Amino acid sequence: MIDKADILIVGAGIIGLTIARELVKNGFGDIVIIEKEPELGRHASGRNSGVLHAGIYYSPDSLKAKSCLNGNFLMRAYCKEKGLPLLENGKVIVTRTAEELPVLEELYGRATANGAKVELIDERQLAELEPNARTVGRALYSHYTAVVDPKAVLKSLKRDLEESGRVTFLLDCRLTGLKGSGRAVTSKGEIAFNRLVNAAGAHCDKVGRLFGIADKYRLIPFKGVYRLLRKDLPFTVNSSIYPVPDIRNPFLGVHFTRSVHGDVYVGPTAIPAFGRENYGIIAGIDAEGFAIAFEDLVLFLANAKFRSVALSEPVKYFPGFFYRDAARLVKELDRRDLVAASKVGIRPQLVDWETKQMVMDFMVVAEGAALHVLNPISPAFTSSMDLAQGIVAQHFSKR
């Protein structure tokens, strides 16, 4: 057991790994990363769709917008350097009704302001890119959207960090408390630290509260269920087909994505869940489930945007409702074309409990010896390398 570190990082997801990588590049050493699971990628960083987003959805003044596109470029360059699976095949965003056309225009404006390469295309141009995609009038084509294998990226980053000789991993090691301002209590003993980075993902608010921050925030989990497109069909998906989202909410809607391994995933949903790791119907619900259920009820009554999600998403547990949602994006799809998939994710959405509003952007909070990355939701995987550069440049003196 290691009992001291210059920098202690809590969480070995994509945020923790990329911050560690950037620290090593800037001359830091004696870095310890603790991870409560026995292996990497068991949660959001290993369960996401692998899509590298291109900065289309986000308000230009947001941290998401500022980090997404460069993060995309950095991650693609890393995958090429390391020989990791990468699909640079773009994506299309389609309209389901004429009423969505103004939102499509808004997305085009946001994407352009954020530096993304996008085109408004007609139905004929869409058919050349995605023959089975359906749209009303126009669609948006994103050139820079790509797809990676998230677990392959995590594995490669871990190997790089270990080979640097400056980073030690302690797996199956859970942070349980603090002693004073510079000693972490873990399930494997105490670790003294000079600096601590909270990259705990779905548990970032709990870690934050140990340091007296994040008291006004609650983390509400949403479950993302996927299905698979059968491989023996006469039609397929070449890249990704997304709907025009409700940009008032931070969810992108059920969509089609071709993975780097050739599977076409359909999803995810955004079903309110009752546990931070509630991947099954009941599995993953713990004692906190009652508190989460109460918080969901409070939000349902106080927040119209949450209420619309809570009313529309849970029915997608049923294949018929899931199918109807997906079928609106394509010309040809039968209920039997979608089969069960093992992929399930949790989106840990931060909520400002004073205003009862969902936090729409990443949050980076520095307080004393600790730095907290809060609300690490999509596009956190895409943004991670750029976020890490900014965090290290701003909060750590170069060595």
Protein backbone atom coordinates (compact mmCIF):
# COMPACT_ATOMS: atom_id res chain seq x y z
CA MET A 1 0.00 0.00 0.00
CA ILE A 2 1.23 3.48 -0.92
CA ASP A 3 0.84 5.92 1.97
CA LYS A 4 1.71 9.22 0.29
CA ALA A 5 1.55 11.00 -3.05
CA ASP A 6 2.31 14.42 -4.40
CA ILE A 7 -0.91 14.34 -6.42
CA LEU A 8 -3.76 11.96 -5.60
CA ILE A 9 -6.37 11.46 -8.34
CA VAL A 10 -9.70 9.93 -7.33
CA GLY A 11 -11.15 8.02 -10.27
CA ALA A 12 -9.50 6.24 -13.20
CA GLY A 13 -12.06 7.18 -15.83
CA ILE A 14 -11.23 9.26 -18.89
CA ILE A 15 -11.02 12.53 -16.91
CA GLY A 16 -8.64 11.14 -14.29
CA LEU A 17 -6.42 9.47 -16.89
CA THR A 18 -6.13 12.46 -19.21
CA ILE A 19 -5.38 14.84 -16.33
CA ALA A 20 -2.66 12.44 -15.15
CA ARG A 21 -1.28 12.28 -18.70
CA GLU A 22 -1.13 16.07 -18.91
CA LEU A 23 0.53 16.30 -15.48
CA VAL A 24 3.22 13.85 -16.60
CA LYS A 25 3.79 15.87 -19.79
CA ASN A 26 4.31 18.95 -17.60
CA GLY A 27 6.95 17.32 -15.43
CA PHE A 28 4.90 16.14 -12.47
CA GLY A 29 5.55 12.79 -10.81
CA ASP A 30 4.59 10.85 -7.70
CA ILE A 31 1.00 10.65 -8.95
CA VAL A 32 -1.33 8.05 -7.47
CA ILE A 33 -4.68 7.21 -9.07
CA ILE A 34 -7.18 5.33 -6.93
CA GLU A 35 -10.13 3.54 -8.53
CA LYS A 36 -12.88 1.82 -6.58
CA GLU A 37 -13.35 -0.90 -9.24
CA PRO A 38 -10.92 -3.79 -9.88
CA GLU A 39 -10.57 -2.73 -13.53
CA LEU A 40 -11.03 0.36 -15.71
CA GLY A 41 -14.05 1.13 -17.85
CA ARG A 42 -16.82 -0.35 -15.71
CA HIS A 43 -18.84 2.85 -15.74
CA ALA A 44 -19.42 5.91 -17.95
CA SER A 45 -15.95 6.06 -19.52
CA GLY A 46 -16.24 2.47 -20.73
CA ARG A 47 -19.96 2.34 -21.41
CA ASN A 48 -20.47 5.33 -23.70
CA SER A 49 -21.11 5.07 -27.43
CA GLY A 50 -17.54 6.03 -28.37
CA VAL A 51 -18.73 8.99 -30.46
CA LEU A 52 -16.32 11.91 -30.64
CA HIS A 53 -18.60 14.92 -30.87
CA ALA A 54 -17.85 18.01 -32.95
CA GLY A 55 -19.18 20.91 -30.86
CA ILE A 56 -22.57 21.17 -32.55
CA TYR A 57 -24.98 21.29 -29.64
CA TYR A 58 -23.31 23.58 -27.13
CA SER A 59 -23.69 27.27 -26.47
CA PRO A 60 -20.52 28.97 -27.82
CA ASP A 61 -19.66 30.52 -24.44
CA SER A 62 -19.76 27.18 -22.61
CA LEU A 63 -16.84 25.06 -21.46
CA LYS A 64 -18.34 22.20 -23.46
CA ALA A 65 -18.14 24.24 -26.67
CA LYS A 66 -14.63 25.51 -25.93
CA SER A 67 -13.23 22.04 -25.25
CA CYS A 68 -15.21 19.70 -27.50
CA LEU A 69 -13.76 20.25 -30.97
CA ASN A 70 -10.11 20.43 -29.93
CA GLY A 71 -10.71 17.44 -27.67
CA ASN A 72 -12.05 15.61 -30.73
CA PHE A 73 -8.89 16.43 -32.71
CA LEU A 74 -6.59 15.47 -29.83
CA MET A 75 -8.33 12.13 -29.27
CA ARG A 76 -8.30 11.29 -32.97
CA ALA A 77 -4.58 12.10 -33.17
CA TYR A 78 -3.93 9.92 -30.11
CA CYS A 79 -5.82 6.98 -31.64
CA LYS A 80 -3.84 7.29 -34.88
CA GLU A 81 -0.55 7.53 -32.98
CA LYS A 82 -1.33 4.42 -30.93
CA GLY A 83 -3.01 2.43 -33.70
CA LEU A 84 -6.35 2.32 -31.86
CA PRO A 85 -9.67 1.70 -33.66
CA LEU A 86 -11.04 4.90 -35.23
CA LEU A 87 -13.88 5.65 -37.64
CA GLU A 88 -13.81 9.14 -39.18
CA ASN A 89 -17.15 8.84 -40.88
CA GLY A 90 -19.13 11.90 -39.73
CA LYS A 91 -22.80 11.92 -38.81
CA VAL A 92 -26.13 13.34 -39.93
CA ILE A 93 -28.79 15.06 -37.83
CA VAL A 94 -32.26 14.65 -39.31
CA THR A 95 -35.58 16.35 -38.74
CA ARG A 96 -38.71 14.39 -37.93
CA THR A 97 -41.15 17.25 -38.55
CA ALA A 98 -41.06 20.62 -40.28
CA GLU A 99 -41.31 22.25 -36.84
CA GLU A 100 -37.76 21.05 -36.12
CA LEU A 101 -36.22 22.96 -39.02
CA PRO A 102 -35.63 26.17 -36.99
CA VAL A 103 -33.78 24.12 -34.35
CA LEU A 104 -31.68 22.57 -37.12
CA GLU A 105 -30.76 26.11 -38.19
CA GLU A 106 -29.87 26.92 -34.58
CA LEU A 107 -27.59 23.87 -34.44
CA TYR A 108 -25.93 24.97 -37.69
CA GLY A 109 -25.29 28.40 -36.16
CA ARG A 110 -23.87 26.95 -32.94
CA ALA A 111 -21.67 24.50 -34.82
CA THR A 112 -20.31 27.23 -37.09
CA ALA A 113 -19.61 29.51 -34.12
CA ASN A 114 -17.77 26.64 -32.41
CA GLY A 115 -15.57 25.96 -35.45
CA ALA A 116 -17.16 22.69 -36.54
CA LYS A 117 -17.29 21.77 -40.22
CA VAL A 118 -20.99 21.28 -40.98
CA GLU A 119 -23.32 21.50 -43.97
CA LEU A 120 -27.05 21.89 -44.35
CA ILE A 121 -27.96 19.23 -46.93
CA ASP A 122 -31.13 18.30 -48.79
CA GLU A 123 -32.83 14.90 -48.95
CA ARG A 124 -30.91 13.86 -52.08
CA GLN A 125 -27.55 14.62 -50.48
CA LEU A 126 -28.64 12.81 -47.32
CA ALA A 127 -29.52 9.72 -49.37
CA GLU A 128 -25.99 9.64 -50.77
CA LEU A 129 -24.52 9.63 -47.27
CA GLU A 130 -27.10 7.52 -45.46
CA PRO A 131 -29.49 5.82 -47.92
CA ASN A 132 -31.90 4.71 -45.18
CA ALA A 133 -32.01 8.00 -43.24
CA ARG A 134 -35.21 10.00 -43.36
CA THR A 135 -35.57 13.76 -42.97
CA VAL A 136 -38.08 16.51 -43.64
CA GLY A 137 -36.62 19.01 -46.09
CA ARG A 138 -33.08 19.29 -44.79
CA ALA A 139 -30.52 17.62 -42.55
CA LEU A 140 -27.22 18.64 -40.98
CA TYR A 141 -24.03 16.83 -41.95
CA SER A 142 -21.14 16.91 -39.48
CA HIS A 143 -17.73 16.17 -41.04
CA TYR A 144 -15.69 15.97 -37.84
CA THR A 145 -17.76 13.48 -35.84
CA ALA A 146 -15.85 10.22 -35.34
CA VAL A 147 -16.10 7.00 -33.34
CA VAL A 148 -13.51 5.26 -31.13
CA ASP A 149 -13.39 2.23 -28.83
CA PRO A 150 -13.62 3.79 -25.33
CA LYS A 151 -12.18 0.79 -23.48
CA ALA A 152 -9.24 0.57 -25.90
CA VAL A 153 -8.49 4.25 -25.23
CA LEU A 154 -8.63 3.72 -21.45
CA LYS A 155 -6.36 0.68 -21.65
CA SER A 156 -3.83 2.54 -23.79
CA LEU A 157 -3.76 5.58 -21.51
CA LYS A 158 -3.26 3.39 -18.45
CA ARG A 159 -0.33 1.63 -20.15
CA ASP A 160 1.23 4.99 -21.10
CA LEU A 161 0.95 6.27 -17.55
CA GLU A 162 2.42 3.15 -16.01
CA GLU A 163 5.29 3.15 -18.49
CA SER A 164 6.10 6.77 -17.57
CA GLY A 165 7.23 5.55 -14.15
CA ARG A 166 5.51 8.56 -12.57
CA VAL A 167 2.00 7.18 -12.00
CA THR A 168 0.83 4.37 -9.74
CA PHE A 169 -2.63 2.82 -9.90
CA LEU A 170 -4.43 1.46 -6.86
CA LEU A 171 -7.43 -0.49 -8.11
CA ASP A 172 -10.25 -1.79 -5.93
CA CYS A 173 -9.47 1.17 -3.67
CA ARG A 174 -12.35 3.39 -2.53
CA LEU A 175 -12.08 6.86 -0.98
CA THR A 176 -14.03 6.76 2.29
CA GLY A 177 -13.13 10.01 4.01
CA LEU A 178 -10.54 12.64 4.91
CA LYS A 179 -8.29 13.31 7.87
CA GLY A 180 -7.51 16.98 7.99
CA SER A 181 -6.82 18.74 4.71
CA GLY A 182 -4.12 16.48 3.31
CA ARG A 183 -4.81 12.85 4.16
CA ALA A 184 -7.25 10.61 2.33
CA VAL A 185 -8.83 7.64 4.05
CA THR A 186 -9.34 4.75 1.64
CA SER A 187 -10.46 1.15 1.81
CA LYS A 188 -6.77 0.20 1.59
CA GLY A 189 -5.37 2.60 4.15
CA GLU A 190 -4.51 6.29 4.45
CA ILE A 191 -2.71 8.29 1.75
CA ALA A 192 -1.16 11.69 2.45
CA PHE A 193 -1.26 14.11 -0.49
CA ASN A 194 -0.20 17.63 -1.45
CA ARG A 195 -2.87 18.01 -4.15
CA LEU A 196 -6.02 16.03 -4.87
CA VAL A 197 -8.01 15.81 -8.11
CA ASN A 198 -11.64 14.75 -7.85
CA ALA A 199 -12.34 12.86 -11.07
CA ALA A 200 -14.86 10.50 -9.49
CA GLY A 201 -17.48 10.68 -12.24
CA ALA A 202 -20.88 9.62 -10.94
CA HIS A 203 -19.57 10.05 -7.39
CA CYS A 204 -17.94 13.47 -7.90
CA ASP A 205 -20.53 15.23 -5.74
CA LYS A 206 -19.89 12.86 -2.82
CA VAL A 207 -16.15 13.52 -3.01
CA GLY A 208 -16.84 17.24 -3.32
CA ARG A 209 -18.91 17.23 -0.16
CA LEU A 210 -15.99 15.72 1.78
CA PHE A 211 -14.20 18.99 0.99
CA GLY A 212 -17.19 21.20 1.81
CA ILE A 213 -18.12 21.99 -1.78
CA ALA A 214 -21.04 20.77 -3.91
CA ASP A 215 -23.45 21.00 -0.97
CA LYS A 216 -26.03 22.75 -3.12
CA TYR A 217 -25.86 20.12 -5.86
CA ARG A 218 -27.53 16.75 -6.27
CA LEU A 219 -26.58 14.11 -8.77
CA ILE A 220 -29.54 12.57 -10.60
CA PRO A 221 -28.74 9.42 -12.64
CA PHE A 222 -30.34 8.74 -16.02
CA LYS A 223 -30.19 5.29 -17.58
CA GLY A 224 -29.16 4.87 -21.19
CA VAL A 225 -30.47 1.61 -22.68
CA TYR A 226 -29.30 0.50 -26.14
CA ARG A 227 -30.44 -2.04 -28.70
CA LEU A 228 -28.60 -3.47 -31.71
CA LEU A 229 -29.50 -3.40 -35.39
CA ARG A 230 -29.46 -6.93 -36.79
CA LYS A 231 -26.50 -7.56 -39.09
CA ASP A 232 -28.35 -9.62 -41.71
CA LEU A 233 -30.56 -6.77 -42.95
CA PRO A 234 -30.61 -5.46 -46.56
CA PHE A 235 -29.93 -1.95 -45.23
CA THR A 236 -27.49 -0.59 -42.67
CA VAL A 237 -26.07 2.62 -41.20
CA ASN A 238 -22.79 3.98 -42.56
CA SER A 239 -21.99 6.45 -39.78
CA SER A 240 -24.40 7.92 -37.21
CA ILE A 241 -27.98 9.14 -37.58
CA TYR A 242 -29.14 11.52 -34.85
CA PRO A 243 -32.46 13.34 -34.36
CA VAL A 244 -32.78 17.06 -33.79
CA PRO A 245 -32.70 17.18 -29.96
CA ASP A 246 -34.63 19.31 -27.53
CA ILE A 247 -31.78 21.74 -26.87
CA ARG A 248 -33.40 22.83 -23.61
CA ASN A 249 -32.37 19.43 -22.19
CA PRO A 250 -28.86 17.92 -22.15
CA PHE A 251 -29.97 14.69 -23.89
CA LEU A 252 -29.55 13.94 -27.60
CA GLY A 253 -32.29 11.36 -28.10
CA VAL A 254 -32.26 7.79 -29.42
CA HIS A 255 -29.95 7.55 -32.44
CA PHE A 256 -28.08 5.06 -34.64
CA THR A 257 -24.29 4.72 -34.34
CA ARG A 258 -21.94 2.39 -36.21
CA SER A 259 -19.22 1.26 -33.82
CA VAL A 260 -15.58 0.74 -34.75
CA HIS A 261 -16.26 -3.01 -34.62
CA GLY A 262 -19.11 -2.88 -37.17
CA ASP A 263 -22.08 -3.16 -34.81
CA VAL A 264 -24.85 -0.57 -35.17
CA TYR A 265 -26.14 0.52 -31.77
CA VAL A 266 -29.49 2.22 -31.35
CA GLY A 267 -30.00 4.39 -28.27
CA PRO A 268 -29.51 5.54 -25.63
CA THR A 269 -32.61 6.36 -23.67
CA ALA A 270 -32.57 8.91 -20.84
CA ILE A 271 -34.68 7.09 -18.25
CA PRO A 272 -34.51 8.41 -14.67
CA ALA A 273 -32.65 5.73 -12.70
CA PHE A 274 -32.67 4.87 -8.99
CA GLY A 275 -28.96 4.34 -8.50
CA ARG A 276 -25.65 5.69 -9.73
CA GLU A 277 -24.91 2.19 -11.06
CA ASN A 278 -28.49 1.03 -11.72
CA TYR A 279 -27.71 -0.76 -14.97
CA GLY A 280 -30.40 -3.43 -14.58
CA ILE A 281 -34.07 -3.14 -13.71
CA ILE A 282 -33.25 -3.64 -10.03
CA ALA A 283 -29.50 -4.29 -10.09
CA GLY A 284 -27.53 -1.30 -8.88
CA ILE A 285 -30.25 0.14 -6.65
CA ASP A 286 -28.86 0.60 -3.15
CA ALA A 287 -29.89 2.44 0.01
CA GLU A 288 -29.51 5.75 -1.84
CA GLY A 289 -32.33 4.71 -4.17
CA PHE A 290 -35.00 6.07 -1.81
CA ALA A 291 -33.31 9.48 -1.68
CA ILE A 292 -32.94 9.54 -5.47
CA ALA A 293 -36.62 8.62 -5.89
CA PHE A 294 -37.60 11.50 -3.59
CA GLU A 295 -35.36 13.91 -5.49
CA ASP A 296 -36.89 12.73 -8.77
CA LEU A 297 -40.34 13.51 -7.36
CA VAL A 298 -39.25 16.98 -6.27
CA LEU A 299 -37.81 17.68 -9.73
CA PHE A 300 -40.91 16.27 -11.42
CA LEU A 301 -43.02 18.83 -9.60
CA ALA A 302 -40.60 21.77 -9.88
CA ASN A 303 -38.92 21.38 -13.28
CA ALA A 304 -40.96 21.16 -16.49
CA LYS A 305 -37.98 19.95 -18.53
CA PHE A 306 -37.32 17.08 -16.15
CA ARG A 307 -41.05 16.31 -16.07
CA SER A 308 -41.14 15.94 -19.87
CA VAL A 309 -38.21 13.46 -19.72
CA ALA A 310 -39.74 11.54 -16.82
CA LEU A 311 -43.03 11.17 -18.69
CA SER A 312 -41.64 10.27 -22.13
CA GLU A 313 -38.55 8.14 -21.47
CA PRO A 314 -39.50 5.25 -19.13
CA VAL A 315 -41.87 3.71 -21.71
CA LYS A 316 -38.81 3.07 -23.90
CA TYR A 317 -38.03 0.12 -21.64
CA PHE A 318 -40.70 -1.56 -23.79
CA PRO A 319 -39.41 -2.63 -27.25
CA GLY A 320 -42.46 -1.26 -29.06
CA PHE A 321 -42.02 2.29 -27.77
CA PHE A 322 -38.24 2.14 -28.30
CA TYR A 323 -38.81 0.98 -31.88
CA ARG A 324 -41.26 3.80 -32.63
CA ASP A 325 -38.74 6.38 -31.49
CA ALA A 326 -35.97 4.91 -33.64
CA ALA A 327 -38.18 4.34 -36.69
CA ARG A 328 -38.82 8.08 -37.07
CA LEU A 329 -35.19 8.54 -38.19
CA VAL A 330 -35.12 5.99 -41.02
CA LYS A 331 -37.13 4.93 -44.06
CA GLU A 332 -37.06 1.22 -43.38
CA LEU A 333 -37.12 -0.50 -39.99
CA ASP A 334 -39.14 -3.38 -38.57
CA ARG A 335 -39.55 -4.13 -34.86
CA ARG A 336 -37.74 -7.44 -35.44
CA ASP A 337 -34.72 -5.55 -36.79
CA LEU A 338 -33.79 -4.41 -33.26
CA VAL A 339 -32.36 -6.96 -30.85
CA ALA A 340 -31.24 -6.80 -27.24
CA ALA A 341 -27.84 -5.31 -26.44
CA SER A 342 -25.75 -5.70 -23.29
CA LYS A 343 -24.64 -2.04 -23.41
CA VAL A 344 -26.29 0.08 -20.69
CA GLY A 345 -24.94 3.36 -19.36
CA ILE A 346 -25.67 5.87 -16.61
CA ARG A 347 -25.52 9.60 -17.24
CA PRO A 348 -24.76 11.26 -13.87
CA GLN A 349 -26.55 14.60 -14.29
CA LEU A 350 -25.78 17.35 -11.79
CA VAL A 351 -28.72 19.46 -10.58
CA ASP A 352 -28.53 22.80 -8.79
CA TRP A 353 -30.83 22.02 -5.89
CA GLU A 354 -31.42 25.68 -5.06
CA THR A 355 -32.88 26.43 -8.49
CA LYS A 356 -33.96 22.83 -9.33
CA GLN A 357 -32.30 23.25 -12.74
CA MET A 358 -30.07 20.73 -14.50
CA VAL A 359 -26.51 22.01 -14.85
CA MET A 360 -25.82 22.21 -18.58
CA ASP A 361 -22.04 22.67 -18.56
CA PHE A 362 -18.94 21.07 -17.08
CA MET A 363 -17.83 22.53 -13.74
CA VAL A 364 -14.21 22.78 -12.58
CA VAL A 365 -13.91 23.99 -9.00
CA ALA A 366 -10.55 24.62 -7.28
CA GLU A 367 -10.67 24.91 -3.50
CA GLY A 368 -7.51 24.79 -1.41
CA ALA A 369 -5.45 21.71 -2.21
CA ALA A 370 -8.28 20.04 -4.12
CA LEU A 371 -9.57 20.41 -7.66
CA HIS A 372 -13.00 19.03 -8.53
CA VAL A 373 -14.30 18.12 -11.99
CA LEU A 374 -18.08 18.16 -11.55
CA ASN A 375 -20.85 17.27 -14.00
CA PRO A 376 -18.54 15.22 -16.27
CA ILE A 377 -21.30 14.30 -18.71
CA SER A 378 -21.33 14.13 -22.52
CA PRO A 379 -19.21 15.25 -24.31
CA ALA A 380 -16.73 14.65 -21.46
CA PHE A 381 -15.06 11.72 -23.23
CA THR A 382 -14.59 13.85 -26.37
CA SER A 383 -13.48 16.92 -24.43
CA SER A 384 -11.22 15.12 -21.96
CA MET A 385 -7.79 15.79 -23.48
CA ASP A 386 -8.52 19.48 -24.06
CA LEU A 387 -10.09 19.83 -20.61
CA ALA A 388 -6.99 18.22 -19.08
CA GLN A 389 -4.72 20.68 -20.87
CA GLY A 390 -6.72 23.64 -19.59
CA ILE A 391 -6.99 22.31 -16.04
CA VAL A 392 -3.27 21.62 -15.71
CA ALA A 393 -2.27 24.92 -17.33
CA GLN A 394 -4.58 26.92 -15.07
CA HIS A 395 -4.27 25.11 -11.75
CA PHE A 396 -0.81 23.50 -11.66
CA SER A 397 2.49 25.37 -11.90
CA LYS A 398 4.69 23.79 -14.57
CA ARG A 399 7.71 21.85 -13.32
